[in-house]
Amino acid sequence: MSSVFRLLLQTREKLYKSGVIPTNRLHHPVVSIGNLTLGGTGKTPLVIALANRLRNEGLRPVVLSRGYRRTTKGCLIVSRGDGPIVTWQESGDEPFLIARRARRVSVVVGADRFEAGRLAEQNDLGNIFLLDDGFQHRGLFRNVDIVTVDPVEWSEDEKLLPRGRWREPKSGIERAHAVCIQSRTGAAVPEFHMPTFQVNTAIEGIFENDRQIELESLRGRPVVAFAGIAKPERFFNSVEDLGIPISRRIQFRDHHEYNARDVAEIATGAECEPRITTEKDAVRLEDTSLSNFLHLRISANIPEFDRLMELIHSRLR
């Protein structure tokens, strides 16, 4: 099946290059942030960081996202810049999180990102688009293509879907204008023939809803840690790096929707043990009966952020 998938990708690439499959253009510039694998490369924190930076520069960014596993169809405005105006089930967990974290930034979801962009333009939501998870969405023209890379994953064998985690061959990165490499301790940094930027994971703290918890109150105190993300071991390591021991680890699949049985499993154990999860999981727990839990909030830290923005603005010009 992976061989068939590779052949389909090669055929699709030829059709786009020849113009047989058209590429649509929006009236405002588009910056795409994507990857070559199924996730876990730090894409969402980077989208939030870029959205906030563009907003601070006086632009009006709009994030266009697919809205993976949402309950709605078509195109939907998730935020007009003042936080989510729909539920996370209607928008998808990642667009909902982006709408919450990137203030004064609009968010629109739609499987057809061109139509989502047109909806944003019709409602005058902004003047620059951030295409979330858009590297394979070739139907929309983008001025800048940024690809996020996990150096450990990059060093491993290229196994295409459905056998592996790769959406397309590594050679596809040649279409990118910049590469953002996730910082990983002890991992060799791959070299690319385009501008490369390191992205560090910055821990903002541990929160209960919107209230930040003092770390000293948790250090040395065992917690139950649970996560439904692409690479949960990174979350568990981050918790332990803060000096918080984990008594029990619970893993769910990425974008997992929690049910009563899951909540019961998480709640099992000593009542005095805090429960801690990721910010994305916290979004999906909002309408469950689990209320006494904390979440870890992270952000993307880009040491050469100014240089990255110079590259973006040069492409926009």
C-alpha atoms as a PDB file:
ATOM      1  CA  MET A   1       0.000   0.000   0.000  1.00  0.00           C
ATOM      2  CA  SER A   2       2.874   2.390   0.711  1.00  0.00           C
ATOM      3  CA  SER A   3       4.161   1.823  -2.845  1.00  0.00           C
ATOM      4  CA  VAL A   4       0.743   2.710  -4.255  1.00  0.00           C
ATOM      5  CA  PHE A   5       0.640   5.808  -2.043  1.00  0.00           C
ATOM      6  CA  ARG A   6       4.085   6.870  -3.303  1.00  0.00           C
ATOM      7  CA  LEU A   7       2.938   6.476  -6.916  1.00  0.00           C
ATOM      8  CA  LEU A   8      -0.154   8.578  -6.221  1.00  0.00           C
ATOM      9  CA  LEU A   9       2.006  11.309  -4.677  1.00  0.00           C
ATOM     10  CA  GLN A  10       4.337  11.340  -7.696  1.00  0.00           C
ATOM     11  CA  THR A  11       1.379  11.589 -10.081  1.00  0.00           C
ATOM     12  CA  ARG A  12      -0.174  14.385  -8.036  1.00  0.00           C
ATOM     13  CA  GLU A  13       3.126  16.297  -8.022  1.00  0.00           C
ATOM     14  CA  LYS A  14       3.359  16.105 -11.833  1.00  0.00           C
ATOM     15  CA  LEU A  15      -0.224  17.308 -12.229  1.00  0.00           C
ATOM     16  CA  TYR A  16       0.419  20.354 -10.029  1.00  0.00           C
ATOM     17  CA  LYS A  17       3.722  21.179 -11.739  1.00  0.00           C
ATOM     18  CA  SER A  18       2.148  20.938 -15.196  1.00  0.00           C
ATOM     19  CA  GLY A  19      -0.830  23.069 -14.175  1.00  0.00           C
ATOM     20  CA  VAL A  20      -3.368  20.345 -14.911  1.00  0.00           C
ATOM     21  CA  ILE A  21      -4.550  20.742 -11.308  1.00  0.00           C
ATOM     22  CA  PRO A  22      -4.974  24.487 -10.691  1.00  0.00           C
ATOM     23  CA  THR A  23      -3.661  26.433  -7.710  1.00  0.00           C
ATOM     24  CA  ASN A  24      -6.037  29.107  -6.419  1.00  0.00           C
ATOM     25  CA  ARG A  25      -4.937  32.509  -5.083  1.00  0.00           C
ATOM     26  CA  LEU A  26      -6.465  34.602  -2.335  1.00  0.00           C
ATOM     27  CA  HIS A  27      -6.324  38.416  -2.321  1.00  0.00           C
ATOM     28  CA  HIS A  28      -4.029  38.466   0.718  1.00  0.00           C
ATOM     29  CA  PRO A  29      -0.642  36.731   1.173  1.00  0.00           C
ATOM     30  CA  VAL A  30      -0.420  33.223   2.612  1.00  0.00           C
ATOM     31  CA  VAL A  31       2.221  31.749   4.932  1.00  0.00           C
ATOM     32  CA  SER A  32       2.001  27.965   5.253  1.00  0.00           C
ATOM     33  CA  ILE A  33       3.246  26.006   8.277  1.00  0.00           C
ATOM     34  CA  GLY A  34       3.282  22.252   7.775  1.00  0.00           C
ATOM     35  CA  ASN A  35       5.277  19.063   8.045  1.00  0.00           C
ATOM     36  CA  LEU A  36       6.010  15.817   6.225  1.00  0.00           C
ATOM     37  CA  THR A  37       4.814  13.436   8.928  1.00  0.00           C
ATOM     38  CA  LEU A  38       1.661  12.810  10.954  1.00  0.00           C
ATOM     39  CA  GLY A  39       2.433  15.310  13.699  1.00  0.00           C
ATOM     40  CA  GLY A  40       4.450  15.901  16.799  1.00  0.00           C
ATOM     41  CA  THR A  41       6.835  18.399  15.206  1.00  0.00           C
ATOM     42  CA  GLY A  42       5.752  21.496  17.143  1.00  0.00           C
ATOM     43  CA  LYS A  43       3.588  22.932  14.403  1.00  0.00           C
ATOM     44  CA  THR A  44       0.744  24.346  16.530  1.00  0.00           C
ATOM     45  CA  PRO A  45       2.979  26.342  18.939  1.00  0.00           C
ATOM     46  CA  LEU A  46       4.796  27.754  15.899  1.00  0.00           C
ATOM     47  CA  VAL A  47       1.507  28.844  14.305  1.00  0.00           C
ATOM     48  CA  ILE A  48       0.550  30.614  17.536  1.00  0.00           C
ATOM     49  CA  ALA A  49       3.970  32.302  17.797  1.00  0.00           C
ATOM     50  CA  LEU A  50       3.833  33.538  14.190  1.00  0.00           C
ATOM     51  CA  ALA A  51       0.244  34.733  14.555  1.00  0.00           C
ATOM     52  CA  ASN A  52       1.100  36.744  17.673  1.00  0.00           C
ATOM     53  CA  ARG A  53       4.229  38.193  16.068  1.00  0.00           C
ATOM     54  CA  LEU A  54       2.399  39.278  12.904  1.00  0.00           C
ATOM     55  CA  ARG A  55      -0.340  40.836  15.042  1.00  0.00           C
ATOM     56  CA  ASN A  56       2.252  42.730  17.076  1.00  0.00           C
ATOM     57  CA  GLU A  57       3.724  44.048  13.828  1.00  0.00           C
ATOM     58  CA  GLY A  58       0.391  45.663  13.004  1.00  0.00           C
ATOM     59  CA  LEU A  59      -0.961  43.032  10.610  1.00  0.00           C
ATOM     60  CA  ARG A  60      -4.294  41.232  10.967  1.00  0.00           C
ATOM     61  CA  PRO A  61      -3.515  37.510  10.683  1.00  0.00           C
ATOM     62  CA  VAL A  62      -6.138  34.860   9.993  1.00  0.00           C
ATOM     63  CA  VAL A  63      -5.357  31.197  10.678  1.00  0.00           C
ATOM     64  CA  LEU A  64      -6.835  28.782   8.149  1.00  0.00           C
ATOM     65  CA  SER A  65      -7.075  25.229   9.458  1.00  0.00           C
ATOM     66  CA  ARG A  66      -8.698  22.005   8.351  1.00  0.00           C
ATOM     67  CA  GLY A  67     -10.355  21.398  11.711  1.00  0.00           C
ATOM     68  CA  TYR A  68      -9.431  17.748  12.008  1.00  0.00           C
ATOM     69  CA  ARG A  69     -12.187  15.464  13.368  1.00  0.00           C
ATOM     70  CA  ARG A  70     -14.655  18.309  13.900  1.00  0.00           C
ATOM     71  CA  THR A  71     -18.395  17.621  13.889  1.00  0.00           C
ATOM     72  CA  THR A  72     -19.247  20.364  11.378  1.00  0.00           C
ATOM     73  CA  LYS A  73     -18.985  20.485   7.595  1.00  0.00           C
ATOM     74  CA  GLY A  74     -18.003  23.208   5.147  1.00  0.00           C
ATOM     75  CA  CYS A  75     -16.265  26.393   6.261  1.00  0.00           C
ATOM     76  CA  LEU A  76     -16.738  27.806   9.732  1.00  0.00           C
ATOM     77  CA  ILE A  77     -15.529  30.946  11.520  1.00  0.00           C
ATOM     78  CA  VAL A  78     -14.064  29.777  14.826  1.00  0.00           C
ATOM     79  CA  SER A  79     -12.900  33.178  16.069  1.00  0.00           C
ATOM     80  CA  ARG A  80     -13.135  36.785  14.956  1.00  0.00           C
ATOM     81  CA  GLY A  81     -10.197  37.685  17.178  1.00  0.00           C
ATOM     82  CA  ASP A  82     -11.804  37.579  20.619  1.00  0.00           C
ATOM     83  CA  GLY A  83     -11.523  33.881  21.351  1.00  0.00           C
ATOM     84  CA  PRO A  84     -13.606  30.917  20.167  1.00  0.00           C
ATOM     85  CA  ILE A  85     -17.245  31.548  19.291  1.00  0.00           C
ATOM     86  CA  VAL A  86     -17.993  27.847  18.697  1.00  0.00           C
ATOM     87  CA  THR A  87     -17.331  24.668  20.679  1.00  0.00           C
ATOM     88  CA  TRP A  88     -14.138  22.654  20.273  1.00  0.00           C
ATOM     89  CA  GLN A  89     -16.181  19.815  18.777  1.00  0.00           C
ATOM     90  CA  GLU A  90     -17.426  22.167  16.048  1.00  0.00           C
ATOM     91  CA  SER A  91     -13.961  23.571  15.292  1.00  0.00           C
ATOM     92  CA  GLY A  92     -11.547  20.762  16.142  1.00  0.00           C
ATOM     93  CA  ASP A  93      -9.235  20.871  19.156  1.00  0.00           C
ATOM     94  CA  GLU A  94      -6.206  22.575  17.559  1.00  0.00           C
ATOM     95  CA  PRO A  95      -8.105  25.484  15.901  1.00  0.00           C
ATOM     96  CA  PHE A  96      -9.950  26.007  19.186  1.00  0.00           C
ATOM     97  CA  LEU A  97      -6.654  26.130  21.073  1.00  0.00           C
ATOM     98  CA  ILE A  98      -5.153  28.545  18.525  1.00  0.00           C
ATOM     99  CA  ALA A  99      -8.230  30.790  18.807  1.00  0.00           C
ATOM    100  CA  ARG A 100      -7.832  30.835  22.579  1.00  0.00           C
ATOM    101  CA  ARG A 101      -4.063  31.456  22.662  1.00  0.00           C
ATOM    102  CA  ALA A 102      -3.703  33.890  19.736  1.00  0.00           C
ATOM    103  CA  ARG A 103      -5.753  36.902  20.766  1.00  0.00           C
ATOM    104  CA  ARG A 104      -6.858  39.422  18.147  1.00  0.00           C
ATOM    105  CA  VAL A 105      -6.246  36.689  15.559  1.00  0.00           C
ATOM    106  CA  SER A 106      -9.159  35.238  13.596  1.00  0.00           C
ATOM    107  CA  VAL A 107      -9.466  31.511  12.909  1.00  0.00           C
ATOM    108  CA  VAL A 108     -11.445  29.828  10.118  1.00  0.00           C
ATOM    109  CA  VAL A 109     -11.709  26.094   9.464  1.00  0.00           C
ATOM    110  CA  GLY A 110     -12.504  24.288   6.231  1.00  0.00           C
ATOM    111  CA  ALA A 111     -11.281  21.221   4.370  1.00  0.00           C
ATOM    112  CA  ASP A 112     -10.955  23.508   1.323  1.00  0.00           C
ATOM    113  CA  ARG A 113      -8.568  26.152   2.621  1.00  0.00           C
ATOM    114  CA  PHE A 114      -9.177  28.382  -0.430  1.00  0.00           C
ATOM    115  CA  GLU A 115     -12.897  28.526   0.363  1.00  0.00           C
ATOM    116  CA  ALA A 116     -12.071  29.120   4.035  1.00  0.00           C
ATOM    117  CA  GLY A 117      -9.854  32.031   2.977  1.00  0.00           C
ATOM    118  CA  ARG A 118     -12.599  33.445   0.763  1.00  0.00           C
ATOM    119  CA  LEU A 119     -14.996  33.326   3.715  1.00  0.00           C
ATOM    120  CA  ALA A 120     -12.434  35.238   5.790  1.00  0.00           C
ATOM    121  CA  GLU A 121     -12.001  37.834   3.030  1.00  0.00           C
ATOM    122  CA  GLN A 122     -15.768  38.247   2.624  1.00  0.00           C
ATOM    123  CA  ASN A 123     -15.994  38.968   6.365  1.00  0.00           C
ATOM    124  CA  ASP A 124     -12.895  41.233   6.336  1.00  0.00           C
ATOM    125  CA  LEU A 125     -11.280  39.199   9.096  1.00  0.00           C
ATOM    126  CA  GLY A 126      -7.682  40.064   8.253  1.00  0.00           C
ATOM    127  CA  ASN A 127      -4.983  40.851   5.703  1.00  0.00           C
ATOM    128  CA  ILE A 128      -2.570  37.903   5.927  1.00  0.00           C
ATOM    129  CA  PHE A 129      -3.255  34.187   6.165  1.00  0.00           C
ATOM    130  CA  LEU A 130      -1.464  31.492   8.167  1.00  0.00           C
ATOM    131  CA  LEU A 131      -2.162  28.115   6.601  1.00  0.00           C
ATOM    132  CA  ASP A 132      -2.083  25.636   9.482  1.00  0.00           C
ATOM    133  CA  ASP A 133      -0.824  22.168   8.486  1.00  0.00           C
ATOM    134  CA  GLY A 134      -0.824  23.261   4.873  1.00  0.00           C
ATOM    135  CA  PHE A 135       2.282  21.806   3.205  1.00  0.00           C
ATOM    136  CA  GLN A 136       0.317  19.100   1.372  1.00  0.00           C
ATOM    137  CA  HIS A 137      -2.632  21.427   0.639  1.00  0.00           C
ATOM    138  CA  ARG A 138      -1.384  22.317  -2.841  1.00  0.00           C
ATOM    139  CA  GLY A 139      -4.664  23.758  -4.093  1.00  0.00           C
ATOM    140  CA  LEU A 140      -3.955  27.109  -2.400  1.00  0.00           C
ATOM    141  CA  PHE A 141      -1.067  29.318  -3.487  1.00  0.00           C
ATOM    142  CA  ARG A 142       1.245  30.314  -0.664  1.00  0.00           C
ATOM    143  CA  ASN A 143       3.932  33.009  -0.608  1.00  0.00           C
ATOM    144  CA  VAL A 144       5.946  31.229   2.073  1.00  0.00           C
ATOM    145  CA  ASP A 145       6.216  27.517   2.872  1.00  0.00           C
ATOM    146  CA  ILE A 146       7.634  26.655   6.307  1.00  0.00           C
ATOM    147  CA  VAL A 147       8.164  23.016   7.255  1.00  0.00           C
ATOM    148  CA  THR A 148       8.632  21.812  10.837  1.00  0.00           C
ATOM    149  CA  VAL A 149      10.992  18.878  11.386  1.00  0.00           C
ATOM    150  CA  ASP A 150      11.665  16.521  14.275  1.00  0.00           C
ATOM    151  CA  PRO A 151      15.403  15.715  13.911  1.00  0.00           C
ATOM    152  CA  VAL A 152      15.008  12.264  15.477  1.00  0.00           C
ATOM    153  CA  GLU A 153      12.203  11.366  13.107  1.00  0.00           C
ATOM    154  CA  TRP A 154      14.159  12.773  10.158  1.00  0.00           C
ATOM    155  CA  SER A 155      17.107  10.473  10.909  1.00  0.00           C
ATOM    156  CA  GLU A 156      14.896   7.386  10.782  1.00  0.00           C
ATOM    157  CA  ASP A 157      13.707   5.434   7.755  1.00  0.00           C
ATOM    158  CA  GLU A 158      11.226   7.074   5.426  1.00  0.00           C
ATOM    159  CA  LYS A 159       8.091   4.932   5.734  1.00  0.00           C
ATOM    160  CA  LEU A 160       5.118   6.324   3.869  1.00  0.00           C
ATOM    161  CA  LEU A 161       1.501   5.957   4.882  1.00  0.00           C
ATOM    162  CA  PRO A 162      -0.186   3.654   5.668  1.00  0.00           C
ATOM    163  CA  ARG A 163       2.815   1.585   6.823  1.00  0.00           C
ATOM    164  CA  GLY A 164       4.631   4.512   8.436  1.00  0.00           C
ATOM    165  CA  ARG A 165       4.170   8.124   9.566  1.00  0.00           C
ATOM    166  CA  TRP A 166       5.384   9.934   6.432  1.00  0.00           C
ATOM    167  CA  ARG A 167       2.819  11.858   4.392  1.00  0.00           C
ATOM    168  CA  GLU A 168       5.259  12.242   1.519  1.00  0.00           C
ATOM    169  CA  PRO A 169       8.938  11.470   0.795  1.00  0.00           C
ATOM    170  CA  LYS A 170      11.673  13.522   2.449  1.00  0.00           C
ATOM    171  CA  SER A 171      12.500  14.991  -0.975  1.00  0.00           C
ATOM    172  CA  GLY A 172       9.250  16.970  -0.735  1.00  0.00           C
ATOM    173  CA  ILE A 173      10.995  19.381   1.626  1.00  0.00           C
ATOM    174  CA  GLU A 174      12.693  20.923  -1.409  1.00  0.00           C
ATOM    175  CA  ARG A 175       9.431  22.835  -2.003  1.00  0.00           C
ATOM    176  CA  ALA A 176       9.904  24.670   1.316  1.00  0.00           C
ATOM    177  CA  HIS A 177      11.345  28.164   1.736  1.00  0.00           C
ATOM    178  CA  ALA A 178      12.398  27.561   5.362  1.00  0.00           C
ATOM    179  CA  VAL A 179      12.768  24.691   7.810  1.00  0.00           C
ATOM    180  CA  CYS A 180      12.065  24.949  11.532  1.00  0.00           C
ATOM    181  CA  ILE A 181      13.832  22.175  13.439  1.00  0.00           C
ATOM    182  CA  GLN A 182      12.471  21.126  16.791  1.00  0.00           C
ATOM    183  CA  SER A 183      15.137  21.224  19.468  1.00  0.00           C
ATOM    184  CA  ARG A 184      15.791  17.714  20.821  1.00  0.00           C
ATOM    185  CA  THR A 185      18.465  16.931  23.408  1.00  0.00           C
ATOM    186  CA  GLY A 186      21.206  14.753  21.939  1.00  0.00           C
ATOM    187  CA  ALA A 187      19.669  14.711  18.456  1.00  0.00           C
ATOM    188  CA  ALA A 188      21.870  15.439  15.437  1.00  0.00           C
ATOM    189  CA  VAL A 189      20.657  18.509  13.546  1.00  0.00           C
ATOM    190  CA  PRO A 190      20.084  17.686   9.864  1.00  0.00           C
ATOM    191  CA  GLU A 191      21.346  20.048   7.169  1.00  0.00           C
ATOM    192  CA  PHE A 192      19.086  21.479   4.494  1.00  0.00           C
ATOM    193  CA  HIS A 193      19.656  23.575   1.363  1.00  0.00           C
ATOM    194  CA  MET A 194      17.369  26.351   2.571  1.00  0.00           C
ATOM    195  CA  PRO A 195      17.245  28.697   5.591  1.00  0.00           C
ATOM    196  CA  THR A 196      16.999  26.684   8.810  1.00  0.00           C
ATOM    197  CA  PHE A 197      15.792  27.816  12.237  1.00  0.00           C
ATOM    198  CA  GLN A 198      15.859  26.118  15.602  1.00  0.00           C
ATOM    199  CA  VAL A 199      12.634  26.087  17.612  1.00  0.00           C
ATOM    200  CA  ASN A 200      12.837  25.415  21.342  1.00  0.00           C
ATOM    201  CA  THR A 201       9.930  24.320  23.509  1.00  0.00           C
ATOM    202  CA  ALA A 202       9.391  26.915  26.231  1.00  0.00           C
ATOM    203  CA  ILE A 203       7.357  25.814  29.236  1.00  0.00           C
ATOM    204  CA  GLU A 204       5.141  28.697  30.357  1.00  0.00           C
ATOM    205  CA  GLY A 205       3.969  26.862  33.444  1.00  0.00           C
ATOM    206  CA  ILE A 206       1.287  24.596  34.827  1.00  0.00           C
ATOM    207  CA  PHE A 207      -2.270  25.907  34.887  1.00  0.00           C
ATOM    208  CA  GLU A 208      -5.628  25.092  36.383  1.00  0.00           C
ATOM    209  CA  ASN A 209      -8.007  26.593  33.848  1.00  0.00           C
ATOM    210  CA  ASP A 210      -6.465  30.089  33.395  1.00  0.00           C
ATOM    211  CA  ARG A 211      -4.809  30.232  36.832  1.00  0.00           C
ATOM    212  CA  GLN A 212      -1.094  29.484  36.958  1.00  0.00           C
ATOM    213  CA  ILE A 213      -0.002  27.064  39.685  1.00  0.00           C
ATOM    214  CA  GLU A 214       3.170  27.608  41.686  1.00  0.00           C
ATOM    215  CA  LEU A 215       5.655  24.943  40.603  1.00  0.00           C
ATOM    216  CA  GLU A 216       7.028  24.622  44.119  1.00  0.00           C
ATOM    217  CA  SER A 217       3.679  23.251  45.255  1.00  0.00           C
ATOM    218  CA  LEU A 218       4.114  20.312  42.853  1.00  0.00           C
ATOM    219  CA  ARG A 219       7.838  19.584  42.929  1.00  0.00           C
ATOM    220  CA  GLY A 220       8.559  16.192  44.479  1.00  0.00           C
ATOM    221  CA  ARG A 221       4.850  15.426  44.612  1.00  0.00           C
ATOM    222  CA  PRO A 222       3.759  12.388  42.518  1.00  0.00           C
ATOM    223  CA  VAL A 223       1.185  13.112  39.797  1.00  0.00           C
ATOM    224  CA  VAL A 224      -0.911  11.130  37.343  1.00  0.00           C
ATOM    225  CA  ALA A 225       0.073  12.289  33.841  1.00  0.00           C
ATOM    226  CA  PHE A 226      -2.102  11.549  30.808  1.00  0.00           C
ATOM    227  CA  ALA A 227      -2.079  12.676  27.187  1.00  0.00           C
ATOM    228  CA  GLY A 228      -3.732  12.047  23.841  1.00  0.00           C
ATOM    229  CA  ILE A 229      -1.168  13.600  21.487  1.00  0.00           C
ATOM    230  CA  ALA A 230       1.115  12.324  18.715  1.00  0.00           C
ATOM    231  CA  LYS A 231       4.232  11.882  20.888  1.00  0.00           C
ATOM    232  CA  PRO A 232       3.156  11.751  24.548  1.00  0.00           C
ATOM    233  CA  GLU A 233       6.603  10.768  25.837  1.00  0.00           C
ATOM    234  CA  ARG A 234       7.775  14.365  25.301  1.00  0.00           C
ATOM    235  CA  PHE A 235       5.006  15.638  27.532  1.00  0.00           C
ATOM    236  CA  PHE A 236       5.888  13.102  30.242  1.00  0.00           C
ATOM    237  CA  ASN A 237       9.573  14.082  30.008  1.00  0.00           C
ATOM    238  CA  SER A 238       8.694  17.776  30.300  1.00  0.00           C
ATOM    239  CA  VAL A 239       6.726  17.149  33.484  1.00  0.00           C
ATOM    240  CA  GLU A 240       9.593  15.203  35.038  1.00  0.00           C
ATOM    241  CA  ASP A 241      12.102  17.846  33.927  1.00  0.00           C
ATOM    242  CA  LEU A 242      10.198  20.280  36.158  1.00  0.00           C
ATOM    243  CA  GLY A 243      11.005  18.080  39.146  1.00  0.00           C
ATOM    244  CA  ILE A 244       7.536  16.539  39.276  1.00  0.00           C
ATOM    245  CA  PRO A 245       7.589  12.731  39.588  1.00  0.00           C
ATOM    246  CA  ILE A 246       4.978  10.730  37.671  1.00  0.00           C
ATOM    247  CA  SER A 247       3.316   7.880  39.542  1.00  0.00           C
ATOM    248  CA  ARG A 248       1.192   6.751  36.595  1.00  0.00           C
ATOM    249  CA  ARG A 249       1.294   7.467  32.848  1.00  0.00           C
ATOM    250  CA  ILE A 250      -1.806   7.083  30.693  1.00  0.00           C
ATOM    251  CA  GLN A 251      -1.620   7.368  26.904  1.00  0.00           C
ATOM    252  CA  PHE A 252      -4.441   7.872  24.433  1.00  0.00           C
ATOM    253  CA  ARG A 253      -4.318   8.236  20.658  1.00  0.00           C
ATOM    254  CA  ASP A 254      -3.836  11.674  19.122  1.00  0.00           C
ATOM    255  CA  HIS A 255      -6.979  13.892  19.143  1.00  0.00           C
ATOM    256  CA  HIS A 256      -8.655  11.395  21.490  1.00  0.00           C
ATOM    257  CA  GLU A 257     -12.185  12.352  22.552  1.00  0.00           C
ATOM    258  CA  TYR A 258     -12.580  11.510  26.220  1.00  0.00           C
ATOM    259  CA  ASN A 259     -15.555   9.493  27.439  1.00  0.00           C
ATOM    260  CA  ALA A 260     -16.844   8.458  30.864  1.00  0.00           C
ATOM    261  CA  ARG A 261     -14.686   5.321  30.934  1.00  0.00           C
ATOM    262  CA  ASP A 262     -11.550   7.362  30.215  1.00  0.00           C
ATOM    263  CA  VAL A 263     -12.428   9.823  32.966  1.00  0.00           C
ATOM    264  CA  ALA A 264     -12.912   6.936  35.390  1.00  0.00           C
ATOM    265  CA  GLU A 265      -9.506   5.516  34.464  1.00  0.00           C
ATOM    266  CA  ILE A 266      -7.808   8.886  34.968  1.00  0.00           C
ATOM    267  CA  ALA A 267      -9.569   9.458  38.290  1.00  0.00           C
ATOM    268  CA  THR A 268      -8.595   6.020  39.647  1.00  0.00           C
ATOM    269  CA  GLY A 269      -5.989   6.140  42.413  1.00  0.00           C
ATOM    270  CA  ALA A 270      -5.161   8.280  45.391  1.00  0.00           C
ATOM    271  CA  GLU A 271      -7.363  11.353  45.693  1.00  0.00           C
ATOM    272  CA  CYS A 272      -4.424  13.478  46.787  1.00  0.00           C
ATOM    273  CA  GLU A 273      -2.475  12.860  43.559  1.00  0.00           C
ATOM    274  CA  PRO A 274      -2.861  15.742  41.099  1.00  0.00           C
ATOM    275  CA  ARG A 275      -3.814  14.920  37.498  1.00  0.00           C
ATOM    276  CA  ILE A 276      -1.894  16.737  34.770  1.00  0.00           C
ATOM    277  CA  THR A 277      -2.265  16.748  30.993  1.00  0.00           C
ATOM    278  CA  THR A 278      -1.447  18.805  27.886  1.00  0.00           C
ATOM    279  CA  GLU A 279      -3.176  22.028  26.907  1.00  0.00           C
ATOM    280  CA  LYS A 280      -4.682  20.367  23.838  1.00  0.00           C
ATOM    281  CA  ASP A 281      -6.109  17.564  25.982  1.00  0.00           C
ATOM    282  CA  ALA A 282      -7.474  20.140  28.429  1.00  0.00           C
ATOM    283  CA  VAL A 283      -9.570  21.551  25.575  1.00  0.00           C
ATOM    284  CA  ARG A 284     -11.129  18.123  24.978  1.00  0.00           C
ATOM    285  CA  LEU A 285     -11.880  17.647  28.677  1.00  0.00           C
ATOM    286  CA  GLU A 286     -13.898  20.825  29.123  1.00  0.00           C
ATOM    287  CA  ASP A 287     -17.321  19.181  28.824  1.00  0.00           C
ATOM    288  CA  THR A 288     -16.502  16.022  30.792  1.00  0.00           C
ATOM    289  CA  SER A 289     -17.038  15.313  34.476  1.00  0.00           C
ATOM    290  CA  LEU A 290     -13.286  15.523  35.143  1.00  0.00           C
ATOM    291  CA  SER A 291     -12.746  18.924  36.729  1.00  0.00           C
ATOM    292  CA  ASN A 292      -9.798  18.589  39.116  1.00  0.00           C
ATOM    293  CA  PHE A 293      -6.906  18.453  36.667  1.00  0.00           C
ATOM    294  CA  LEU A 294      -4.007  20.677  35.626  1.00  0.00           C
ATOM    295  CA  HIS A 295      -2.413  21.263  32.237  1.00  0.00           C
ATOM    296  CA  LEU A 296       1.064  22.097  30.992  1.00  0.00           C
ATOM    297  CA  ARG A 297       1.259  25.164  28.759  1.00  0.00           C
ATOM    298  CA  ILE A 298       4.085  25.370  26.232  1.00  0.00           C
ATOM    299  CA  SER A 299       5.126  27.881  23.580  1.00  0.00           C
ATOM    300  CA  ALA A 300       7.578  28.015  20.694  1.00  0.00           C
ATOM    301  CA  ASN A 301      10.800  29.925  21.351  1.00  0.00           C
ATOM    302  CA  ILE A 302      12.713  30.843  18.177  1.00  0.00           C
ATOM    303  CA  PRO A 303      16.207  32.226  18.929  1.00  0.00           C
ATOM    304  CA  GLU A 304      16.458  33.754  15.444  1.00  0.00           C
ATOM    305  CA  PHE A 305      12.857  34.933  15.226  1.00  0.00           C
ATOM    306  CA  ASP A 306      13.871  38.263  13.654  1.00  0.00           C
ATOM    307  CA  ARG A 307      15.731  36.464  10.862  1.00  0.00           C
ATOM    308  CA  LEU A 308      12.728  34.229  10.234  1.00  0.00           C
ATOM    309  CA  MET A 309      10.450  37.266  10.005  1.00  0.00           C
ATOM    310  CA  GLU A 310      12.871  38.956   7.596  1.00  0.00           C
ATOM    311  CA  LEU A 311      12.639  35.891   5.346  1.00  0.00           C
ATOM    312  CA  ILE A 312       8.838  35.915   5.525  1.00  0.00           C
ATOM    313  CA  HIS A 313       8.564  39.621   4.715  1.00  0.00           C
ATOM    314  CA  SER A 314      11.045  39.295   1.844  1.00  0.00           C
ATOM    315  CA  ARG A 315       8.825  36.600   0.318  1.00  0.00           C
ATOM    316  CA  LEU A 316       5.717  38.724   0.847  1.00  0.00           C
ATOM    317  CA  ARG A 317       7.306  41.632  -0.973  1.00  0.00           C
END
